[in-house]
Amino acid sequence: MSEKSVKSEKSAAVTGEERGEGKFPKGLVLRLFAYLIAGHLFAGFLYLLFMLGGQNQ
């Protein structure tokens, strides 16, 4: 095995299969958590808008 092929194997991205059964990549978990928080904040903002808008009628 040449030195070049060994270097490329070490720099390969870690996938879910390489980390073990049932594990998700760390970036995916962080992104899902961020989207979950952002989605709830946006939903709360819309709820607030509709509640304040309904009081003015």
N, C-alpha and C. Protein backbone atom coordinates (compact mmCIF):
# COMPACT_ATOMS: atom_id res chain seq x y z
N MET A 1 0.86 -1.17 0.00
CA MET A 1 0.00 0.00 0.00
C MET A 1 0.90 1.23 0.00
N SER A 2 0.61 2.16 -0.84
CA SER A 2 1.45 3.35 -0.92
C SER A 2 1.06 4.37 0.14
N GLU A 3 1.95 5.33 0.35
CA GLU A 3 1.71 6.36 1.37
C GLU A 3 0.52 7.24 1.00
N LYS A 4 0.33 7.46 -0.28
CA LYS A 4 -0.77 8.32 -0.74
C LYS A 4 -2.13 7.69 -0.42
N SER A 5 -2.27 6.38 -0.63
CA SER A 5 -3.56 5.73 -0.36
C SER A 5 -3.86 5.67 1.13
N VAL A 6 -2.84 5.55 1.96
CA VAL A 6 -3.05 5.54 3.41
C VAL A 6 -3.53 6.89 3.87
N LYS A 7 -2.97 7.96 3.33
CA LYS A 7 -3.36 9.32 3.70
C LYS A 7 -4.81 9.59 3.31
N SER A 8 -5.24 9.12 2.15
CA SER A 8 -6.62 9.38 1.72
C SER A 8 -7.62 8.61 2.57
N GLU A 9 -7.24 7.43 3.07
CA GLU A 9 -8.14 6.68 3.94
C GLU A 9 -8.33 7.36 5.28
N LYS A 10 -7.28 7.99 5.80
CA LYS A 10 -7.37 8.67 7.08
C LYS A 10 -8.21 9.93 6.99
N SER A 11 -8.21 10.60 5.84
CA SER A 11 -8.95 11.85 5.70
C SER A 11 -10.38 11.63 5.21
N ALA A 12 -10.80 10.39 5.10
CA ALA A 12 -12.17 10.10 4.65
C ALA A 12 -13.17 10.55 5.70
N ALA A 13 -14.31 11.01 5.25
CA ALA A 13 -15.37 11.48 6.17
C ALA A 13 -15.93 10.31 6.96
N VAL A 14 -16.28 10.57 8.20
CA VAL A 14 -16.86 9.53 9.06
C VAL A 14 -18.35 9.46 8.77
N THR A 15 -18.81 8.30 8.40
CA THR A 15 -20.23 8.10 8.12
C THR A 15 -20.89 7.39 9.29
N GLY A 16 -22.18 7.27 9.24
CA GLY A 16 -22.91 6.60 10.31
C GLY A 16 -22.50 5.15 10.48
N GLU A 17 -22.19 4.47 9.36
CA GLU A 17 -21.79 3.06 9.44
C GLU A 17 -20.45 2.91 10.15
N GLU A 18 -19.53 3.84 9.90
CA GLU A 18 -18.21 3.74 10.50
C GLU A 18 -18.25 4.05 11.99
N ARG A 19 -19.22 4.82 12.44
CA ARG A 19 -19.31 5.19 13.86
C ARG A 19 -20.01 4.11 14.67
N GLY A 20 -20.68 3.19 14.02
CA GLY A 20 -21.36 2.12 14.76
C GLY A 20 -22.84 2.10 14.42
N GLU A 21 -23.47 1.04 14.80
CA GLU A 21 -24.89 0.84 14.50
C GLU A 21 -25.77 1.83 15.27
N GLY A 22 -26.67 2.52 14.58
CA GLY A 22 -27.62 3.39 15.22
C GLY A 22 -27.10 4.77 15.60
N LYS A 23 -25.94 5.15 15.14
CA LYS A 23 -25.39 6.47 15.47
C LYS A 23 -25.54 7.40 14.27
N PHE A 24 -25.86 8.65 14.55
CA PHE A 24 -25.96 9.66 13.50
C PHE A 24 -24.71 10.52 13.50
N PRO A 25 -24.35 11.08 12.35
CA PRO A 25 -23.22 12.01 12.33
C PRO A 25 -23.50 13.22 13.23
N LYS A 26 -22.45 13.72 13.88
CA LYS A 26 -22.61 14.81 14.84
C LYS A 26 -23.20 16.06 14.18
N GLY A 27 -22.77 16.37 12.96
CA GLY A 27 -23.29 17.55 12.26
C GLY A 27 -24.78 17.46 12.00
N LEU A 28 -25.27 16.27 11.70
CA LEU A 28 -26.69 16.08 11.44
C LEU A 28 -27.51 16.31 12.71
N VAL A 29 -27.02 15.81 13.82
CA VAL A 29 -27.74 15.98 15.09
C VAL A 29 -27.80 17.46 15.46
N LEU A 30 -26.69 18.17 15.31
CA LEU A 30 -26.67 19.59 15.63
C LEU A 30 -27.60 20.39 14.72
N ARG A 31 -27.60 20.05 13.42
CA ARG A 31 -28.46 20.74 12.48
C ARG A 31 -29.94 20.49 12.78
N LEU A 32 -30.29 19.24 13.11
CA LEU A 32 -31.68 18.93 13.46
C LEU A 32 -32.12 19.67 14.71
N PHE A 33 -31.23 19.75 15.71
CA PHE A 33 -31.55 20.46 16.94
C PHE A 33 -31.75 21.95 16.66
N ALA A 34 -30.88 22.53 15.83
CA ALA A 34 -31.00 23.95 15.49
C ALA A 34 -32.30 24.22 14.73
N TYR A 35 -32.65 23.36 13.79
CA TYR A 35 -33.90 23.54 13.04
C TYR A 35 -35.11 23.37 13.95
N LEU A 36 -35.02 22.47 14.90
CA LEU A 36 -36.12 22.27 15.85
C LEU A 36 -36.35 23.53 16.68
N ILE A 37 -35.28 24.09 17.20
CA ILE A 37 -35.38 25.32 18.00
C ILE A 37 -35.89 26.47 17.14
N ALA A 38 -35.32 26.64 15.94
CA ALA A 38 -35.73 27.73 15.06
C ALA A 38 -37.19 27.58 14.64
N GLY A 39 -37.63 26.37 14.38
CA GLY A 39 -39.02 26.13 13.99
C GLY A 39 -39.98 26.48 15.11
N HIS A 40 -39.62 26.14 16.34
CA HIS A 40 -40.49 26.47 17.47
C HIS A 40 -40.52 27.98 17.73
N LEU A 41 -39.39 28.64 17.57
CA LEU A 41 -39.37 30.09 17.73
C LEU A 41 -40.24 30.78 16.67
N PHE A 42 -40.15 30.31 15.44
CA PHE A 42 -40.97 30.88 14.36
C PHE A 42 -42.45 30.62 14.61
N ALA A 43 -42.80 29.41 15.05
CA ALA A 43 -44.20 29.09 15.35
C ALA A 43 -44.72 29.95 16.50
N GLY A 44 -43.90 30.17 17.51
CA GLY A 44 -44.29 31.03 18.62
C GLY A 44 -44.51 32.46 18.18
N PHE A 45 -43.66 32.94 17.27
CA PHE A 45 -43.81 34.28 16.74
C PHE A 45 -45.12 34.42 15.95
N LEU A 46 -45.43 33.43 15.13
CA LEU A 46 -46.69 33.46 14.38
C LEU A 46 -47.89 33.41 15.33
N TYR A 47 -47.81 32.58 16.35
CA TYR A 47 -48.88 32.49 17.34
C TYR A 47 -49.09 33.85 18.01
N LEU A 48 -48.01 34.52 18.38
CA LEU A 48 -48.09 35.83 18.99
C LEU A 48 -48.74 36.85 18.04
N LEU A 49 -48.36 36.80 16.78
CA LEU A 49 -48.96 37.71 15.80
C LEU A 49 -50.46 37.51 15.67
N PHE A 50 -50.88 36.25 15.61
CA PHE A 50 -52.31 35.98 15.47
C PHE A 50 -53.08 36.34 16.74
N MET A 51 -52.48 36.12 17.90
CA MET A 51 -53.14 36.48 19.15
C MET A 51 -53.29 38.00 19.27
N LEU A 52 -52.25 38.74 18.94
CA LEU A 52 -52.33 40.21 19.01
C LEU A 52 -53.25 40.75 17.92
N GLY A 53 -53.23 40.14 16.75
CA GLY A 53 -54.10 40.57 15.67
C GLY A 53 -55.56 40.30 15.97
N GLY A 54 -55.86 39.21 16.67
CA GLY A 54 -57.23 38.87 17.02
C GLY A 54 -57.80 39.79 18.09
N GLN A 55 -56.98 40.39 18.91
CA GLN A 55 -57.45 41.29 19.95
C GLN A 55 -57.88 42.64 19.39
N ASN A 56 -57.40 43.00 18.22
CA ASN A 56 -57.71 44.32 17.65
C ASN A 56 -59.01 44.32 16.86
N GLN A 57 -59.71 43.21 16.79
CA GLN A 57 -60.93 43.18 16.00
C GLN A 57 -62.15 43.41 16.87
